[in-house]
Structures are given as C-alpha cells and as structure tokens.
C-alpha cells in the first residue's frame, strides 16, 4: 500500500511511519468543498487534513486555530454550507 508523506513538517518530534489504505468515503458535497479549501490553505492533502482532524478529536482537542476557524467561516459562506454539529446525526440523502 502506498505511503503518503505530509507536505508540511509536523510541529515536533520524529516522523511516524503509518500504513494507509484507500477508502470509498462518502461525504456531504459542501463539507468536502470546505475541507478541500482548508487543505489547500495549509498546503496539505485532503487525507492528511482529515487524519489531523480525527487525531485531534480522539484526544479531545480542537483541530483548528482561531484564524483557521475564521477562514472556514468564509469558505462555508462561499459554498453555502449551513450545517452545524447539531445536524451531524440527522443527515439523510434525497432519493
């Protein structure tokens, strides 16, 4: 399986080798657009960004700084993303 290196060096400590797998992740279209925008702003691949978000969440930490949250708010406006965490367990797909 292919390994993918983060484009940005981490903020401390030695690098960690991992095994990555390809997945067929389904995600809401506007959320994906915002995620891609955030990844681009930080010169990261989408998978690297999602891994970082998940690892922060697993540790009970916020994944984004205040300036990044402000950028996310602008991207949400641009892409019409009006969903919030309160919607997370209520999303359904149109037939």
PDB file of N, CA and C in Angstrom:
ATOM      1  N   UNK A   1       0.838  -1.179   0.000  1.00  0.00           N
ATOM      2  CA  UNK A   1       0.000   0.000   0.000  1.00  0.00           C
ATOM      3  C   UNK A   1       0.877   1.233   0.000  1.00  0.00           C
ATOM      4  N   UNK A   2       0.412   2.249  -0.660  1.00  0.00           N
ATOM      5  CA  UNK A   2       1.216   3.458  -0.813  1.00  0.00           C
ATOM      6  C   UNK A   2       1.252   4.249   0.480  1.00  0.00           C
ATOM      7  N   UNK A   3       2.396   4.826   0.714  1.00  0.00           N
ATOM      8  CA  UNK A   3       2.542   5.722   1.848  1.00  0.00           C
ATOM      9  C   UNK A   3       2.482   7.139   1.334  1.00  0.00           C
ATOM     10  N   UNK A   4       1.895   8.014   2.100  1.00  0.00           N
ATOM     11  CA  UNK A   4       1.789   9.411   1.711  1.00  0.00           C
ATOM     12  C   UNK A   4       2.436  10.250   2.786  1.00  0.00           C
ATOM     13  N   UNK A   5       3.358  11.079   2.405  1.00  0.00           N
ATOM     14  CA  UNK A   5       4.017  11.950   3.370  1.00  0.00           C
ATOM     15  C   UNK A   5       3.287  13.277   3.411  1.00  0.00           C
ATOM     16  N   UNK A   6       3.143  13.831   4.589  1.00  0.00           N
ATOM     17  CA  UNK A   6       2.546  15.144   4.724  1.00  0.00           C
ATOM     18  C   UNK A   6       3.447  16.160   4.038  1.00  0.00           C
ATOM     19  N   UNK A   7       2.851  17.127   3.366  1.00  0.00           N
ATOM     20  CA  UNK A   7       3.632  18.147   2.672  1.00  0.00           C
ATOM     21  C   UNK A   7       4.276  19.118   3.649  1.00  0.00           C
ATOM     22  N   UNK A   8       3.702  19.269   4.818  1.00  0.00           N
ATOM     23  CA  UNK A   8       4.231  20.168   5.833  1.00  0.00           C
ATOM     24  C   UNK A   8       4.867  19.338   6.943  1.00  0.00           C
ATOM     25  N   UNK A   9       6.021  19.774   7.443  1.00  0.00           N
ATOM     26  CA  UNK A   9       6.597  19.036   8.569  1.00  0.00           C
ATOM     27  C   UNK A   9       5.731  19.211   9.813  1.00  0.00           C
ATOM     28  N   UNK A  10       5.738  18.204  10.669  1.00  0.00           N
ATOM     29  CA  UNK A  10       4.929  18.343  11.873  1.00  0.00           C
ATOM     30  C   UNK A  10       5.620  19.299  12.836  1.00  0.00           C
ATOM     31  N   UNK A  11       4.941  19.646  13.899  1.00  0.00           N
ATOM     32  CA  UNK A  11       5.431  20.690  14.787  1.00  0.00           C
ATOM     33  C   UNK A  11       6.296  20.165  15.921  1.00  0.00           C
ATOM     34  N   UNK A  12       6.770  18.954  15.838  1.00  0.00           N
ATOM     35  CA  UNK A  12       7.657  18.455  16.870  1.00  0.00           C
ATOM     36  C   UNK A  12       7.732  16.949  16.883  1.00  0.00           C
ATOM     37  N   UNK A  13       8.889  16.450  17.233  1.00  0.00           N
ATOM     38  CA  UNK A  13       9.057  15.008  17.344  1.00  0.00           C
ATOM     39  C   UNK A  13       9.405  14.361  16.024  1.00  0.00           C
ATOM     40  N   UNK A  14       9.829  13.124  16.094  1.00  0.00           N
ATOM     41  CA  UNK A  14      10.211  12.400  14.884  1.00  0.00           C
ATOM     42  C   UNK A  14       8.983  12.017  14.062  1.00  0.00           C
ATOM     43  N   UNK A  15       9.211  11.771  12.774  1.00  0.00           N
ATOM     44  CA  UNK A  15       8.097  11.343  11.929  1.00  0.00           C
ATOM     45  C   UNK A  15       7.682   9.934  12.314  1.00  0.00           C
ATOM     46  N   UNK A  16       6.465   9.585  11.997  1.00  0.00           N
ATOM     47  CA  UNK A  16       5.906   8.274  12.341  1.00  0.00           C
ATOM     48  C   UNK A  16       5.477   7.585  11.058  1.00  0.00           C
ATOM     49  N   UNK A  17       5.952   6.390  10.837  1.00  0.00           N
ATOM     50  CA  UNK A  17       5.533   5.614   9.680  1.00  0.00           C
ATOM     51  C   UNK A  17       4.168   5.002   9.950  1.00  0.00           C
ATOM     52  N   UNK A  18       3.297   5.076   8.959  1.00  0.00           N
ATOM     53  CA  UNK A  18       1.957   4.510   9.073  1.00  0.00           C
ATOM     54  C   UNK A  18       1.634   3.739   7.807  1.00  0.00           C
ATOM     55  N   UNK A  19       0.612   2.906   7.859  1.00  0.00           N
ATOM     56  CA  UNK A  19       0.106   2.211   6.689  1.00  0.00           C
ATOM     57  C   UNK A  19      -1.240   2.828   6.341  1.00  0.00           C
ATOM     58  N   UNK A  20      -1.336   3.372   5.149  1.00  0.00           N
ATOM     59  CA  UNK A  20      -2.587   3.998   4.720  1.00  0.00           C
ATOM     60  C   UNK A  20      -3.309   3.084   3.751  1.00  0.00           C
ATOM     61  N   UNK A  21      -4.630   3.179   3.744  1.00  0.00           N
ATOM     62  CA  UNK A  21      -5.454   2.393   2.834  1.00  0.00           C
ATOM     63  C   UNK A  21      -6.371   3.329   2.049  1.00  0.00           C
ATOM     64  N   UNK A  22      -6.693   2.915   0.858  1.00  0.00           N
ATOM     65  CA  UNK A  22      -7.645   3.665   0.033  1.00  0.00           C
ATOM     66  C   UNK A  22      -9.053   3.312   0.493  1.00  0.00           C
ATOM     67  N   UNK A  23      -9.929   4.312   0.584  1.00  0.00           N
ATOM     68  CA  UNK A  23     -11.286   4.060   1.039  1.00  0.00           C
ATOM     69  C   UNK A  23     -12.280   4.782   0.146  1.00  0.00           C
ATOM     70  N   UNK A  24     -13.492   4.304   0.123  1.00  0.00           N
ATOM     71  CA  UNK A  24     -14.551   4.930  -0.655  1.00  0.00           C
ATOM     72  C   UNK A  24     -15.438   5.786   0.238  1.00  0.00           C
ATOM     73  N   UNK A  25     -14.874   6.768   0.872  1.00  0.00           N
ATOM     74  CA  UNK A  25     -15.586   7.631   1.806  1.00  0.00           C
ATOM     75  C   UNK A  25     -16.678   8.428   1.103  1.00  0.00           C
ATOM     76  N   UNK A  26     -17.885   8.415   1.657  1.00  0.00           N
ATOM     77  CA  UNK A  26     -18.974   9.261   1.149  1.00  0.00           C
ATOM     78  C   UNK A  26     -19.142  10.411   2.127  1.00  0.00           C
ATOM     79  N   UNK A  27     -19.259  11.617   1.585  1.00  0.00           N
ATOM     80  CA  UNK A  27     -19.325  12.808   2.431  1.00  0.00           C
ATOM     81  C   UNK A  27     -20.199  13.862   1.756  1.00  0.00           C
ATOM     82  N   UNK A  28     -20.853  14.674   2.539  1.00  0.00           N
ATOM     83  CA  UNK A  28     -21.713  15.728   2.019  1.00  0.00           C
ATOM     84  C   UNK A  28     -20.882  16.671   1.139  1.00  0.00           C
ATOM     85  N   UNK A  29     -21.433  17.042   0.008  1.00  0.00           N
ATOM     86  CA  UNK A  29     -20.711  17.774  -1.038  1.00  0.00           C
ATOM     87  C   UNK A  29     -20.119  19.106  -0.557  1.00  0.00           C
ATOM     88  N   UNK A  30     -20.888  19.893   0.167  1.00  0.00           N
ATOM     89  CA  UNK A  30     -20.392  21.211   0.608  1.00  0.00           C
ATOM     90  C   UNK A  30     -19.336  21.065   1.695  1.00  0.00           C
ATOM     91  N   UNK A  31     -19.470  20.043   2.545  1.00  0.00           N
ATOM     92  CA  UNK A  31     -18.445  19.786   3.557  1.00  0.00           C
ATOM     93  C   UNK A  31     -17.126  19.464   2.862  1.00  0.00           C
ATOM     94  N   UNK A  32     -17.197  18.643   1.828  1.00  0.00           N
ATOM     95  CA  UNK A  32     -15.990  18.286   1.087  1.00  0.00           C
ATOM     96  C   UNK A  32     -15.334  19.511   0.462  1.00  0.00           C
ATOM     97  N   UNK A  33     -16.125  20.402  -0.100  1.00  0.00           N
ATOM     98  CA  UNK A  33     -15.575  21.617  -0.702  1.00  0.00           C
ATOM     99  C   UNK A  33     -14.837  22.462   0.335  1.00  0.00           C
ATOM    100  N   UNK A  34     -15.424  22.600   1.515  1.00  0.00           N
ATOM    101  CA  UNK A  34     -14.779  23.371   2.582  1.00  0.00           C
ATOM    102  C   UNK A  34     -13.497  22.673   3.036  1.00  0.00           C
ATOM    103  N   UNK A  35     -13.550  21.356   3.212  1.00  0.00           N
ATOM    104  CA  UNK A  35     -12.351  20.609   3.612  1.00  0.00           C
ATOM    105  C   UNK A  35     -11.229  20.767   2.591  1.00  0.00           C
ATOM    106  N   UNK A  36     -11.570  20.677   1.314  1.00  0.00           N
ATOM    107  CA  UNK A  36     -10.559  20.852   0.271  1.00  0.00           C
ATOM    108  C   UNK A  36      -9.960  22.253   0.325  1.00  0.00           C
ATOM    109  N   UNK A  37     -10.791  23.250   0.603  1.00  0.00           N
ATOM    110  CA  UNK A  37     -10.303  24.622   0.735  1.00  0.00           C
ATOM    111  C   UNK A  37      -9.342  24.770   1.905  1.00  0.00           C
ATOM    112  N   UNK A  38      -9.683  24.180   3.026  1.00  0.00           N
ATOM    113  CA  UNK A  38      -8.814  24.239   4.210  1.00  0.00           C
ATOM    114  C   UNK A  38      -7.501  23.508   3.938  1.00  0.00           C
ATOM    115  N   UNK A  39      -7.576  22.346   3.316  1.00  0.00           N
ATOM    116  CA  UNK A  39      -6.368  21.589   2.978  1.00  0.00           C
ATOM    117  C   UNK A  39      -5.464  22.420   2.073  1.00  0.00           C
ATOM    118  N   UNK A  40      -6.047  23.047   1.082  1.00  0.00           N
ATOM    119  CA  UNK A  40      -5.273  23.881   0.158  1.00  0.00           C
ATOM    120  C   UNK A  40      -4.615  25.056   0.888  1.00  0.00           C
ATOM    121  N   UNK A  41      -5.350  25.698   1.791  1.00  0.00           N
ATOM    122  CA  UNK A  41      -4.794  26.832   2.540  1.00  0.00           C
ATOM    123  C   UNK A  41      -3.572  26.427   3.358  1.00  0.00           C
ATOM    124  N   UNK A  42      -3.567  25.186   3.822  1.00  0.00           N
ATOM    125  CA  UNK A  42      -2.471  24.709   4.669  1.00  0.00           C
ATOM    126  C   UNK A  42      -1.475  23.835   3.912  1.00  0.00           C
ATOM    127  N   UNK A  43      -1.620  23.800   2.591  1.00  0.00           N
ATOM    128  CA  UNK A  43      -0.726  23.017   1.728  1.00  0.00           C
ATOM    129  C   UNK A  43      -0.659  21.558   2.188  1.00  0.00           C
ATOM    130  N   UNK A  44      -1.832  20.993   2.446  1.00  0.00           N
ATOM    131  CA  UNK A  44      -1.955  19.595   2.870  1.00  0.00           C
ATOM    132  C   UNK A  44      -2.811  18.839   1.873  1.00  0.00           C
ATOM    133  N   UNK A  45      -2.625  17.554   1.806  1.00  0.00           N
ATOM    134  CA  UNK A  45      -3.553  16.708   1.080  1.00  0.00           C
ATOM    135  C   UNK A  45      -4.817  16.539   1.905  1.00  0.00           C
ATOM    136  N   UNK A  46      -5.919  16.231   1.244  1.00  0.00           N
ATOM    137  CA  UNK A  46      -7.191  16.064   1.945  1.00  0.00           C
ATOM    138  C   UNK A  46      -7.111  14.959   3.000  1.00  0.00           C
ATOM    139  N   UNK A  47      -6.478  13.844   2.663  1.00  0.00           N
ATOM    140  CA  UNK A  47      -6.342  12.750   3.632  1.00  0.00           C
ATOM    141  C   UNK A  47      -5.545  13.156   4.856  1.00  0.00           C
ATOM    142  N   UNK A  48      -4.458  13.922   4.641  1.00  0.00           N
ATOM    143  CA  UNK A  48      -3.643  14.389   5.767  1.00  0.00           C
ATOM    144  C   UNK A  48      -4.456  15.303   6.682  1.00  0.00           C
ATOM    145  N   UNK A  49      -5.270  16.181   6.077  1.00  0.00           N
ATOM    146  CA  UNK A  49      -6.112  17.077   6.873  1.00  0.00           C
ATOM    147  C   UNK A  49      -7.112  16.275   7.702  1.00  0.00           C
ATOM    148  N   UNK A  50      -7.785  15.320   7.074  1.00  0.00           N
ATOM    149  CA  UNK A  50      -8.783  14.524   7.793  1.00  0.00           C
ATOM    150  C   UNK A  50      -8.131  13.713   8.911  1.00  0.00           C
ATOM    151  N   UNK A  51      -6.955  13.141   8.646  1.00  0.00           N
ATOM    152  CA  UNK A  51      -6.239  12.421   9.710  1.00  0.00           C
ATOM    153  C   UNK A  51      -5.957  13.349  10.896  1.00  0.00           C
ATOM    154  N   UNK A  52      -5.511  14.559  10.604  1.00  0.00           N
ATOM    155  CA  UNK A  52      -5.220  15.511  11.677  1.00  0.00           C
ATOM    156  C   UNK A  52      -6.453  15.882  12.479  1.00  0.00           C
ATOM    157  N   UNK A  53      -7.563  16.117  11.784  1.00  0.00           N
ATOM    158  CA  UNK A  53      -8.819  16.452  12.465  1.00  0.00           C
ATOM    159  C   UNK A  53      -9.236  15.308  13.383  1.00  0.00           C
ATOM    160  N   UNK A  54      -9.187  14.096  12.868  1.00  0.00           N
ATOM    161  CA  UNK A  54      -9.615  12.925  13.647  1.00  0.00           C
ATOM    162  C   UNK A  54      -8.705  12.708  14.853  1.00  0.00           C
ATOM    163  N   UNK A  55      -7.388  12.812  14.657  1.00  0.00           N
ATOM    164  CA  UNK A  55      -6.468  12.606  15.783  1.00  0.00           C
ATOM    165  C   UNK A  55      -6.688  13.660  16.870  1.00  0.00           C
ATOM    166  N   UNK A  56      -6.942  14.901  16.476  1.00  0.00           N
ATOM    167  CA  UNK A  56      -7.262  15.935  17.471  1.00  0.00           C
ATOM    168  C   UNK A  56      -8.557  15.576  18.210  1.00  0.00           C
ATOM    169  N   UNK A  57      -9.572  15.160  17.457  1.00  0.00           N
ATOM    170  CA  UNK A  57     -10.854  14.808  18.075  1.00  0.00           C
ATOM    171  C   UNK A  57     -10.694  13.637  19.042  1.00  0.00           C
ATOM    172  N   UNK A  58      -9.908  12.630  18.644  1.00  0.00           N
ATOM    173  CA  UNK A  58      -9.681  11.475  19.520  1.00  0.00           C
ATOM    174  C   UNK A  58      -9.025  11.891  20.837  1.00  0.00           C
ATOM    175  N   UNK A  59      -8.216  12.949  20.802  1.00  0.00           N
ATOM    176  CA  UNK A  59      -7.563  13.444  22.013  1.00  0.00           C
ATOM    177  C   UNK A  59      -8.398  14.498  22.740  1.00  0.00           C
ATOM    178  N   UNK A  60      -9.597  14.778  22.227  1.00  0.00           N
ATOM    179  CA  UNK A  60     -10.457  15.782  22.849  1.00  0.00           C
ATOM    180  C   UNK A  60      -9.954  17.194  22.651  1.00  0.00           C
ATOM    181  N   UNK A  61      -9.204  17.440  21.578  1.00  0.00           N
ATOM    182  CA  UNK A  61      -8.633  18.761  21.303  1.00  0.00           C
ATOM    183  C   UNK A  61      -9.279  19.372  20.071  1.00  0.00           C
ATOM    184  N   UNK A  62      -9.332  20.684  20.053  1.00  0.00           N
ATOM    185  CA  UNK A  62      -9.843  21.391  18.880  1.00  0.00           C
ATOM    186  C   UNK A  62      -8.784  21.338  17.779  1.00  0.00           C
ATOM    187  N   UNK A  63      -9.190  20.979  16.559  1.00  0.00           N
ATOM    188  CA  UNK A  63      -8.207  20.820  15.490  1.00  0.00           C
ATOM    189  C   UNK A  63      -7.776  22.123  14.823  1.00  0.00           C
ATOM    190  N   UNK A  64      -8.536  23.214  15.009  1.00  0.00           N
ATOM    191  CA  UNK A  64      -8.256  24.434  14.256  1.00  0.00           C
ATOM    192  C   UNK A  64      -8.007  25.631  15.162  1.00  0.00           C
ATOM    193  N   UNK A  65      -7.090  26.492  14.723  1.00  0.00           N
ATOM    194  CA  UNK A  65      -6.803  27.747  15.419  1.00  0.00           C
ATOM    195  C   UNK A  65      -7.912  28.756  15.102  1.00  0.00           C
ATOM    196  N   UNK A  66      -7.935  29.838  15.839  1.00  0.00           N
ATOM    197  CA  UNK A  66      -8.940  30.879  15.613  1.00  0.00           C
ATOM    198  C   UNK A  66      -8.846  31.447  14.187  1.00  0.00           C
ATOM    199  N   UNK A  67      -7.640  31.751  13.667  1.00  0.00           N
ATOM    200  CA  UNK A  67      -7.577  32.247  12.286  1.00  0.00           C
ATOM    201  C   UNK A  67      -8.097  31.227  11.268  1.00  0.00           C
ATOM    202  N   UNK A  68      -7.818  29.948  11.484  1.00  0.00           N
ATOM    203  CA  UNK A  68      -8.320  28.929  10.564  1.00  0.00           C
ATOM    204  C   UNK A  68      -9.834  28.827  10.655  1.00  0.00           C
ATOM    205  N   UNK A  69     -10.387  28.938  11.857  1.00  0.00           N
ATOM    206  CA  UNK A  69     -11.844  28.913  12.009  1.00  0.00           C
ATOM    207  C   UNK A  69     -12.491  30.086  11.271  1.00  0.00           C
ATOM    208  N   UNK A  70     -11.824  31.240  11.264  1.00  0.00           N
ATOM    209  CA  UNK A  70     -12.344  32.392  10.521  1.00  0.00           C
ATOM    210  C   UNK A  70     -12.316  32.109   9.018  1.00  0.00           C
ATOM    211  N   UNK A  71     -11.256  31.455   8.549  1.00  0.00           N
ATOM    212  CA  UNK A  71     -11.173  31.083   7.134  1.00  0.00           C
ATOM    213  C   UNK A  71     -12.259  30.057   6.794  1.00  0.00           C
ATOM    214  N   UNK A  72     -12.490  29.131   7.693  1.00  0.00           N
ATOM    215  CA  UNK A  72     -13.537  28.122   7.482  1.00  0.00           C
ATOM    216  C   UNK A  72     -14.903  28.800   7.385  1.00  0.00           C
ATOM    217  N   UNK A  73     -15.160  29.782   8.231  1.00  0.00           N
ATOM    218  CA  UNK A  73     -16.435  30.503   8.191  1.00  0.00           C
ATOM    219  C   UNK A  73     -16.632  31.157   6.824  1.00  0.00           C
ATOM    220  N   UNK A  74     -15.575  31.725   6.263  1.00  0.00           N
ATOM    221  CA  UNK A  74     -15.669  32.340   4.934  1.00  0.00           C
ATOM    222  C   UNK A  74     -15.934  31.275   3.866  1.00  0.00           C
ATOM    223  N   UNK A  75     -15.225  30.146   3.950  1.00  0.00           N
ATOM    224  CA  UNK A  75     -15.438  29.067   2.983  1.00  0.00           C
ATOM    225  C   UNK A  75     -16.862  28.516   3.080  1.00  0.00           C
ATOM    226  N   UNK A  76     -17.390  28.398   4.301  1.00  0.00           N
ATOM    227  CA  UNK A  76     -18.756  27.914   4.475  1.00  0.00           C
ATOM    228  C   UNK A  76     -19.743  28.863   3.787  1.00  0.00           C
ATOM    229  N   UNK A  77     -19.485  30.163   3.876  1.00  0.00           N
ATOM    230  CA  UNK A  77     -20.336  31.132   3.201  1.00  0.00           C
ATOM    231  C   UNK A  77     -20.264  30.964   1.688  1.00  0.00           C
ATOM    232  N   UNK A  78     -19.048  30.864   1.174  1.00  0.00           N
ATOM    233  CA  UNK A  78     -18.831  30.729  -0.267  1.00  0.00           C
ATOM    234  C   UNK A  78     -19.555  29.503  -0.809  1.00  0.00           C
ATOM    235  N   UNK A  79     -19.467  28.383  -0.091  1.00  0.00           N
ATOM    236  CA  UNK A  79     -20.045  27.132  -0.572  1.00  0.00           C
ATOM    237  C   UNK A  79     -21.452  26.858  -0.046  1.00  0.00           C
ATOM    238  N   UNK A  80     -22.025  27.800   0.684  1.00  0.00           N
ATOM    239  CA  UNK A  80     -23.400  27.646   1.155  1.00  0.00           C
ATOM    240  C   UNK A  80     -23.576  26.542   2.183  1.00  0.00           C
ATOM    241  N   UNK A  81     -22.532  26.290   2.962  1.00  0.00           N
ATOM    242  CA  UNK A  81     -22.612  25.231   3.971  1.00  0.00           C
ATOM    243  C   UNK A  81     -23.261  25.785   5.239  1.00  0.00           C
ATOM    244  N   UNK A  82     -24.499  25.370   5.468  1.00  0.00           N
ATOM    245  CA  UNK A  82     -25.247  25.844   6.630  1.00  0.00           C
ATOM    246  C   UNK A  82     -25.432  24.762   7.691  1.00  0.00           C
ATOM    247  N   UNK A  83     -24.774  23.639   7.527  1.00  0.00           N
ATOM    248  CA  UNK A  83     -24.868  22.555   8.508  1.00  0.00           C
ATOM    249  C   UNK A  83     -23.985  22.851   9.717  1.00  0.00           C
ATOM    250  N   UNK A  84     -24.415  22.358  10.875  1.00  0.00           N
ATOM    251  CA  UNK A  84     -23.632  22.509  12.101  1.00  0.00           C
ATOM    252  C   UNK A  84     -23.500  21.143  12.773  1.00  0.00           C
ATOM    253  N   UNK A  85     -22.766  21.112  13.866  1.00  0.00           N
ATOM    254  CA  UNK A  85     -22.599  19.868  14.613  1.00  0.00           C
ATOM    255  C   UNK A  85     -23.946  19.312  15.063  1.00  0.00           C
ATOM    256  N   UNK A  86     -24.904  20.188  15.308  1.00  0.00           N
ATOM    257  CA  UNK A  86     -26.234  19.743  15.733  1.00  0.00           C
ATOM    258  C   UNK A  86     -26.917  18.910  14.650  1.00  0.00           C
ATOM    259  N   UNK A  87     -26.511  19.102  13.396  1.00  0.00           N
ATOM    260  CA  UNK A  87     -27.100  18.348  12.292  1.00  0.00           C
ATOM    261  C   UNK A  87     -26.430  16.995  12.064  1.00  0.00           C
ATOM    262  N   UNK A  88     -25.334  16.731  12.739  1.00  0.00           N
ATOM    263  CA  UNK A  88     -24.480  15.589  12.398  1.00  0.00           C
ATOM    264  C   UNK A  88     -25.157  14.225  12.436  1.00  0.00           C
ATOM    265  N   UNK A  89     -26.145  14.038  13.256  1.00  0.00           N
ATOM    266  CA  UNK A  89     -26.810  12.730  13.341  1.00  0.00           C
ATOM    267  C   UNK A  89     -28.194  12.749  12.701  1.00  0.00           C
ATOM    268  N   UNK A  90     -28.472  13.820  11.943  1.00  0.00           N
ATOM    269  CA  UNK A  90     -29.792  13.957  11.325  1.00  0.00           C
ATOM    270  C   UNK A  90     -29.711  14.061   9.814  1.00  0.00           C
ATOM    271  N   UNK A  91     -28.563  13.812   9.221  1.00  0.00           N
ATOM    272  CA  UNK A  91     -28.398  13.954   7.779  1.00  0.00           C
ATOM    273  C   UNK A  91     -28.936  12.729   7.054  1.00  0.00           C
ATOM    274  N   UNK A  92     -29.738  12.974   6.046  1.00  0.00           N
ATOM    275  CA  UNK A  92     -30.254  11.909   5.197  1.00  0.00           C
ATOM    276  C   UNK A  92     -30.023  12.312   3.749  1.00  0.00           C
ATOM    277  N   UNK A  93     -30.006  11.332   2.857  1.00  0.00           N
ATOM    278  CA  UNK A  93     -29.837  11.618   1.431  1.00  0.00           C
ATOM    279  C   UNK A  93     -31.179  11.642   0.739  1.00  0.00           C
ATOM    280  N   UNK A  94     -31.297  12.536  -0.221  1.00  0.00           N
ATOM    281  CA  UNK A  94     -32.508  12.571  -1.053  1.00  0.00           C
ATOM    282  C   UNK A  94     -32.493  11.340  -1.951  1.00  0.00           C
ATOM    283  N   UNK A  95     -33.676  10.784  -2.205  1.00  0.00           N
ATOM    284  CA  UNK A  95     -33.727   9.601  -3.090  1.00  0.00           C
ATOM    285  C   UNK A  95     -33.325   9.956  -4.517  1.00  0.00           C
TER     286      UNK A  95
END
